[in-house]
């Protein structure tokens, strides 16, 4: 693994100061509504429960057609489900432009063998998944086994074929800025199309602090290589105010070029209804 990154210089205090500066930006109400309407098109509508059924997935797919509610709205970017429900989502979303995403590769803990992870990813792709949201092995990263984490992600990247790969860092389990930064570097170097905050399956989901470390890493990589890596905020994002916060962190750190579904996603289940009520 050839590391192209420089040493990360931002401290926790510095990161908090930057976040507070971004939070102090005043946005007129009309502009906030315009941003929220755009944000609908960045959403990965998600259901990841043991009680998920084909009918529940069909209903979620229909909900993803926001343009049916109001022609001002873009449809959701994707619907994200377990591999067992990919074929149901694919049938429902065929010819809509809304993509089918699946969590695969040991979601949510990553605590299984690479063989099992690869088989699950291949299965999801064969079922029709256009995007794979996988997880890093946090335990290995915390033990300093960076090369193993990198090689595993490279194998998962290959198993995805040409489909989009989002790598979930589960930042709430990584504890320190150094660990979050290292997870970002490894995922990007292994070929992630997106890096993503969280699974939504632990108490600590997305945080602005972890998200800013991720944004800084993406910006540095783009500056060095010219390649754009996307970012996805997920885990506990339920209100329009939270969505606006992550939108502005992306805009102020990476610029307007990242404000599209090819580079920025928000994983959510209840957020969509809250935005629809707000606009």
Protein backbone atom coordinates (compact mmCIF):
# COMPACT_ATOMS: atom_id res chain seq x y z
CA UNK A 1 0.00 0.00 0.00
CA UNK A 2 1.62 3.22 -1.18
CA UNK A 3 0.44 6.11 0.97
CA UNK A 4 0.21 9.45 -0.86
CA UNK A 5 -1.15 11.39 2.10
CA UNK A 6 0.68 13.85 4.33
CA UNK A 7 0.52 13.85 8.11
CA UNK A 8 -2.84 15.20 9.32
CA UNK A 9 -2.29 18.39 11.30
CA UNK A 10 -5.76 19.31 12.56
CA UNK A 11 -6.42 18.84 16.28
CA UNK A 12 -9.77 18.22 17.96
CA UNK A 13 -9.83 21.83 19.11
CA UNK A 14 -9.12 23.12 15.62
CA UNK A 15 -11.81 20.91 14.12
CA UNK A 16 -14.36 22.17 16.67
CA UNK A 17 -13.45 25.77 15.89
CA UNK A 18 -13.96 25.20 12.16
CA UNK A 19 -17.31 23.52 12.73
CA UNK A 20 -18.46 26.43 14.90
CA UNK A 21 -17.45 28.86 12.16
CA UNK A 22 -19.50 26.95 9.59
CA UNK A 23 -22.44 26.80 12.01
CA UNK A 24 -22.35 30.59 12.30
CA UNK A 25 -23.15 31.09 8.62
CA UNK A 26 -26.60 32.67 8.30
CA UNK A 27 -28.85 31.23 5.59
CA UNK A 28 -32.14 32.99 4.67
CA UNK A 29 -35.24 30.76 5.04
CA UNK A 30 -36.00 30.72 1.30
CA UNK A 31 -32.46 29.56 0.56
CA UNK A 32 -32.72 26.89 3.23
CA UNK A 33 -35.84 25.52 1.55
CA UNK A 34 -34.10 25.52 -1.82
CA UNK A 35 -31.18 23.57 -0.36
CA UNK A 36 -33.49 21.05 1.30
CA UNK A 37 -35.28 20.45 -2.00
CA UNK A 38 -31.89 19.70 -3.59
CA UNK A 39 -31.01 17.45 -0.67
CA UNK A 40 -33.90 15.11 -1.50
CA UNK A 41 -31.92 14.10 -4.59
CA UNK A 42 -28.91 13.15 -2.45
CA UNK A 43 -30.78 10.73 -0.20
CA UNK A 44 -30.20 7.00 0.04
CA UNK A 45 -33.56 5.93 1.46
CA UNK A 46 -32.72 3.04 3.73
CA UNK A 47 -34.36 0.16 5.54
CA UNK A 48 -32.07 -2.27 7.34
CA UNK A 49 -34.17 -4.12 9.90
CA UNK A 50 -34.60 -7.80 10.61
CA UNK A 51 -38.33 -7.27 10.10
CA UNK A 52 -37.93 -5.95 6.52
CA UNK A 53 -40.27 -7.53 3.99
CA UNK A 54 -40.78 -7.34 0.24
CA UNK A 55 -43.86 -5.16 0.77
CA UNK A 56 -41.91 -2.77 3.01
CA UNK A 57 -39.18 -2.43 0.38
CA UNK A 58 -41.75 -1.83 -2.36
CA UNK A 59 -43.32 0.92 -0.27
CA UNK A 60 -39.92 2.53 0.31
CA UNK A 61 -39.17 2.41 -3.41
CA UNK A 62 -42.44 4.19 -4.15
CA UNK A 63 -41.67 6.79 -1.50
CA UNK A 64 -38.34 7.46 -3.28
CA UNK A 65 -40.29 9.02 -6.17
CA UNK A 66 -40.38 12.47 -4.62
CA UNK A 67 -41.17 14.02 -8.01
CA UNK A 68 -44.59 12.36 -7.79
CA UNK A 69 -45.32 14.52 -4.73
CA UNK A 70 -44.09 17.76 -6.34
CA UNK A 71 -42.41 18.22 -9.75
CA UNK A 72 -39.91 20.59 -8.10
CA UNK A 73 -38.38 17.63 -6.30
CA UNK A 74 -35.72 15.25 -7.54
CA UNK A 75 -36.20 11.57 -6.79
CA UNK A 76 -33.95 9.92 -4.22
CA UNK A 77 -30.48 8.90 -5.36
CA UNK A 78 -30.89 5.29 -4.21
CA UNK A 79 -32.80 2.84 -2.07
CA UNK A 80 -30.55 0.81 0.24
CA UNK A 81 -31.57 -2.66 1.49
CA UNK A 82 -30.16 -6.01 2.55
CA UNK A 83 -28.98 -8.33 -0.27
CA UNK A 84 -31.97 -10.63 0.21
CA UNK A 85 -34.28 -7.78 -0.84
CA UNK A 86 -32.25 -6.38 -3.73
CA UNK A 87 -34.24 -8.20 -6.40
CA UNK A 88 -37.51 -6.78 -5.04
CA UNK A 89 -36.08 -3.26 -5.07
CA UNK A 90 -34.65 -3.75 -8.55
CA UNK A 91 -38.02 -4.79 -9.96
CA UNK A 92 -39.76 -1.83 -8.34
CA UNK A 93 -37.15 0.74 -9.44
CA UNK A 94 -36.57 -0.52 -12.98
CA UNK A 95 -36.34 2.33 -15.51
CA UNK A 96 -36.75 5.02 -12.82
CA UNK A 97 -33.16 6.28 -12.54
CA UNK A 98 -33.23 5.54 -8.80
CA UNK A 99 -30.37 3.21 -8.01
CA UNK A 100 -30.44 0.02 -5.94
CA UNK A 101 -27.88 -0.13 -3.12
CA UNK A 102 -27.16 -3.05 -0.80
CA UNK A 103 -25.22 -3.41 2.43
CA UNK A 104 -22.90 -6.36 1.98
CA UNK A 105 -19.54 -7.69 3.09
CA UNK A 106 -20.15 -8.38 6.76
CA UNK A 107 -22.45 -5.47 7.58
CA UNK A 108 -22.63 -4.09 10.22
CA UNK A 109 -19.72 -5.44 12.32
CA UNK A 110 -17.33 -6.72 9.65
CA UNK A 111 -16.58 -9.65 11.97
CA UNK A 112 -16.63 -12.49 9.48
CA UNK A 113 -14.20 -14.06 7.04
CA UNK A 114 -13.12 -12.40 3.82
CA UNK A 115 -14.50 -15.40 1.92
CA UNK A 116 -17.98 -14.79 3.34
CA UNK A 117 -17.72 -11.05 2.68
CA UNK A 118 -16.78 -11.60 -0.95
CA UNK A 119 -19.55 -14.11 -1.52
CA UNK A 120 -22.12 -11.72 -0.05
CA UNK A 121 -20.94 -8.83 -2.22
CA UNK A 122 -21.00 -11.00 -5.35
CA UNK A 123 -24.47 -12.25 -4.45
CA UNK A 124 -25.78 -8.69 -4.01
CA UNK A 125 -24.30 -7.64 -7.37
CA UNK A 126 -25.75 -10.71 -9.09
CA UNK A 127 -29.16 -9.85 -7.61
CA UNK A 128 -28.97 -6.43 -9.24
CA UNK A 129 -27.31 -4.08 -6.74
CA UNK A 130 -25.75 -1.09 -8.47
CA UNK A 131 -24.06 0.15 -5.30
CA UNK A 132 -22.47 -1.72 -2.40
CA UNK A 133 -22.21 -0.22 1.08
CA UNK A 134 -19.59 -2.32 2.87
CA UNK A 135 -17.72 -1.97 6.16
CA UNK A 136 -14.09 -1.88 7.18
CA UNK A 137 -12.76 -4.29 9.79
CA UNK A 138 -12.55 -1.85 12.66
CA UNK A 139 -10.99 -4.36 15.03
CA UNK A 140 -8.09 -4.96 12.66
CA UNK A 141 -7.58 -1.24 12.12
CA UNK A 142 -7.55 -0.57 15.87
CA UNK A 143 -4.91 -3.31 16.24
CA UNK A 144 -2.74 -1.58 13.63
CA UNK A 145 -3.24 -4.27 10.97
CA UNK A 146 -3.56 -1.66 8.23
CA UNK A 147 -2.25 -3.84 5.42
CA UNK A 148 -4.87 -6.51 6.12
CA UNK A 149 -7.65 -3.91 6.11
CA UNK A 150 -6.35 -2.48 2.84
CA UNK A 151 -6.02 -5.86 1.12
CA UNK A 152 -9.49 -6.88 2.24
CA UNK A 153 -11.00 -3.68 0.82
CA UNK A 154 -9.09 -4.16 -2.43
CA UNK A 155 -10.64 -7.63 -2.74
CA UNK A 156 -14.10 -6.22 -2.04
CA UNK A 157 -13.48 -3.52 -4.62
CA UNK A 158 -12.74 -6.21 -7.20
CA UNK A 159 -15.81 -8.22 -6.20
CA UNK A 160 -17.99 -5.18 -6.84
CA UNK A 161 -16.91 -5.20 -10.49
CA UNK A 162 -18.06 -1.90 -12.00
CA UNK A 163 -20.62 -1.16 -9.31
CA UNK A 164 -20.21 1.76 -6.93
CA UNK A 165 -18.40 0.96 -3.67
CA UNK A 166 -19.15 2.91 -0.50
CA UNK A 167 -16.90 2.05 2.45
CA UNK A 168 -18.42 2.57 5.89
CA UNK A 169 -15.82 3.60 8.48
CA UNK A 170 -18.09 3.38 11.55
CA UNK A 171 -16.42 6.47 12.97
CA UNK A 172 -18.19 6.08 16.33
CA UNK A 173 -16.02 3.03 17.02
CA UNK A 174 -12.73 4.56 15.87
CA UNK A 175 -12.48 6.91 18.86
CA UNK A 176 -9.59 9.15 17.78
CA UNK A 177 -8.94 11.56 14.94
CA UNK A 178 -5.87 9.53 13.98
CA UNK A 179 -7.92 6.35 13.61
CA UNK A 180 -10.63 8.10 11.58
CA UNK A 181 -8.02 9.68 9.33
CA UNK A 182 -6.23 6.36 8.83
CA UNK A 183 -9.49 4.60 7.96
CA UNK A 184 -10.20 7.30 5.36
CA UNK A 185 -6.77 6.91 3.80
CA UNK A 186 -6.96 3.11 3.60
CA UNK A 187 -10.47 3.12 2.12
CA UNK A 188 -9.59 5.71 -0.52
CA UNK A 189 -6.33 4.01 -1.48
CA UNK A 190 -8.19 0.69 -1.82
CA UNK A 191 -10.50 2.21 -4.42
CA UNK A 192 -13.60 3.38 -2.54
CA UNK A 193 -15.93 5.52 -4.64
CA UNK A 194 -17.41 6.94 -1.42
CA UNK A 195 -16.40 6.96 2.20
CA UNK A 196 -19.30 6.82 4.65
CA UNK A 197 -19.58 7.70 8.32
CA UNK A 198 -21.65 5.00 9.95
CA UNK A 199 -23.85 1.92 9.77
CA UNK A 200 -26.59 3.43 11.90
CA UNK A 201 -26.38 0.34 14.11
CA UNK A 202 -24.41 1.75 17.06
CA UNK A 203 -25.29 4.64 19.43
CA UNK A 204 -22.81 7.08 17.89
CA UNK A 205 -23.63 7.74 14.24
CA UNK A 206 -22.51 10.59 12.04
CA UNK A 207 -20.84 13.54 13.78
CA UNK A 208 -19.70 16.82 12.22
CA UNK A 209 -16.23 16.28 13.71
CA UNK A 210 -15.65 12.91 12.05
CA UNK A 211 -17.27 14.14 8.86
CA UNK A 212 -14.85 17.07 8.66
CA UNK A 213 -11.84 14.75 8.99
CA UNK A 214 -13.27 12.73 6.10
CA UNK A 215 -13.80 15.86 4.01
CA UNK A 216 -10.24 17.03 4.65
CA UNK A 217 -8.91 13.66 3.51
CA UNK A 218 -10.97 13.72 0.32
CA UNK A 219 -9.81 17.26 -0.42
CA UNK A 220 -6.16 16.32 0.05
CA UNK A 221 -6.51 13.26 -2.19
CA UNK A 222 -8.19 15.27 -4.93
CA UNK A 223 -5.43 17.86 -4.73
CA UNK A 224 -2.71 15.21 -5.06
CA UNK A 225 -4.29 12.92 -7.66
CA UNK A 226 -7.07 14.92 -9.30
CA UNK A 227 -9.54 12.14 -8.40
CA UNK A 228 -12.84 12.93 -6.70
CA UNK A 229 -14.05 10.61 -3.94
CA UNK A 230 -17.62 10.92 -2.70
CA UNK A 231 -18.80 11.20 0.89
CA UNK A 232 -21.89 9.86 2.61
CA UNK A 233 -23.24 10.98 5.97
CA UNK A 234 -25.35 8.31 7.68
CA UNK A 235 -26.37 7.37 11.18
CA UNK A 236 -28.82 9.45 13.20
CA UNK A 237 -29.50 12.17 10.62
CA UNK A 238 -33.20 12.79 11.15
CA UNK A 239 -33.91 16.53 10.92
CA UNK A 240 -33.69 19.17 8.18
CA UNK A 241 -31.28 21.18 10.34
CA UNK A 242 -28.90 18.24 10.49
CA UNK A 243 -29.12 17.77 6.73
CA UNK A 244 -28.36 21.45 6.19
CA UNK A 245 -25.35 21.20 8.48
CA UNK A 246 -23.77 18.37 6.52
CA UNK A 247 -24.61 20.09 3.22
CA UNK A 248 -22.74 23.22 4.31
CA UNK A 249 -19.76 21.25 5.63
CA UNK A 250 -19.42 19.73 2.15
CA UNK A 251 -19.89 23.05 0.38
CA UNK A 252 -17.44 24.99 2.55
CA UNK A 253 -14.75 22.27 2.55
CA UNK A 254 -14.95 20.73 -0.93
CA UNK A 255 -16.91 23.32 -2.89
CA UNK A 256 -20.04 23.25 -5.02
CA UNK A 257 -18.63 20.57 -7.36
CA UNK A 258 -19.40 17.96 -4.67
CA UNK A 259 -23.03 19.02 -4.27
CA UNK A 260 -24.57 16.30 -6.41
CA UNK A 261 -25.57 12.66 -5.95
CA UNK A 262 -22.37 11.48 -7.67
CA UNK A 263 -20.29 12.91 -4.81
CA UNK A 264 -22.55 13.48 -1.80
CA UNK A 265 -25.16 11.25 -0.20
CA UNK A 266 -27.11 11.20 3.04
CA UNK A 267 -28.33 7.86 4.33
CA UNK A 268 -31.72 8.19 5.98
CA UNK A 269 -35.05 6.60 6.73
CA UNK A 270 -37.19 9.25 8.47
CA UNK A 271 -35.37 12.35 7.17
CA UNK A 272 -37.21 12.42 3.84
CA UNK A 273 -40.62 12.96 5.44
CA UNK A 274 -39.21 15.68 7.67
CA UNK A 275 -37.81 17.54 4.66
CA UNK A 276 -41.04 17.17 2.72
CA UNK A 277 -42.95 18.70 5.63
CA UNK A 278 -40.41 21.52 5.94
CA UNK A 279 -40.55 22.65 2.30
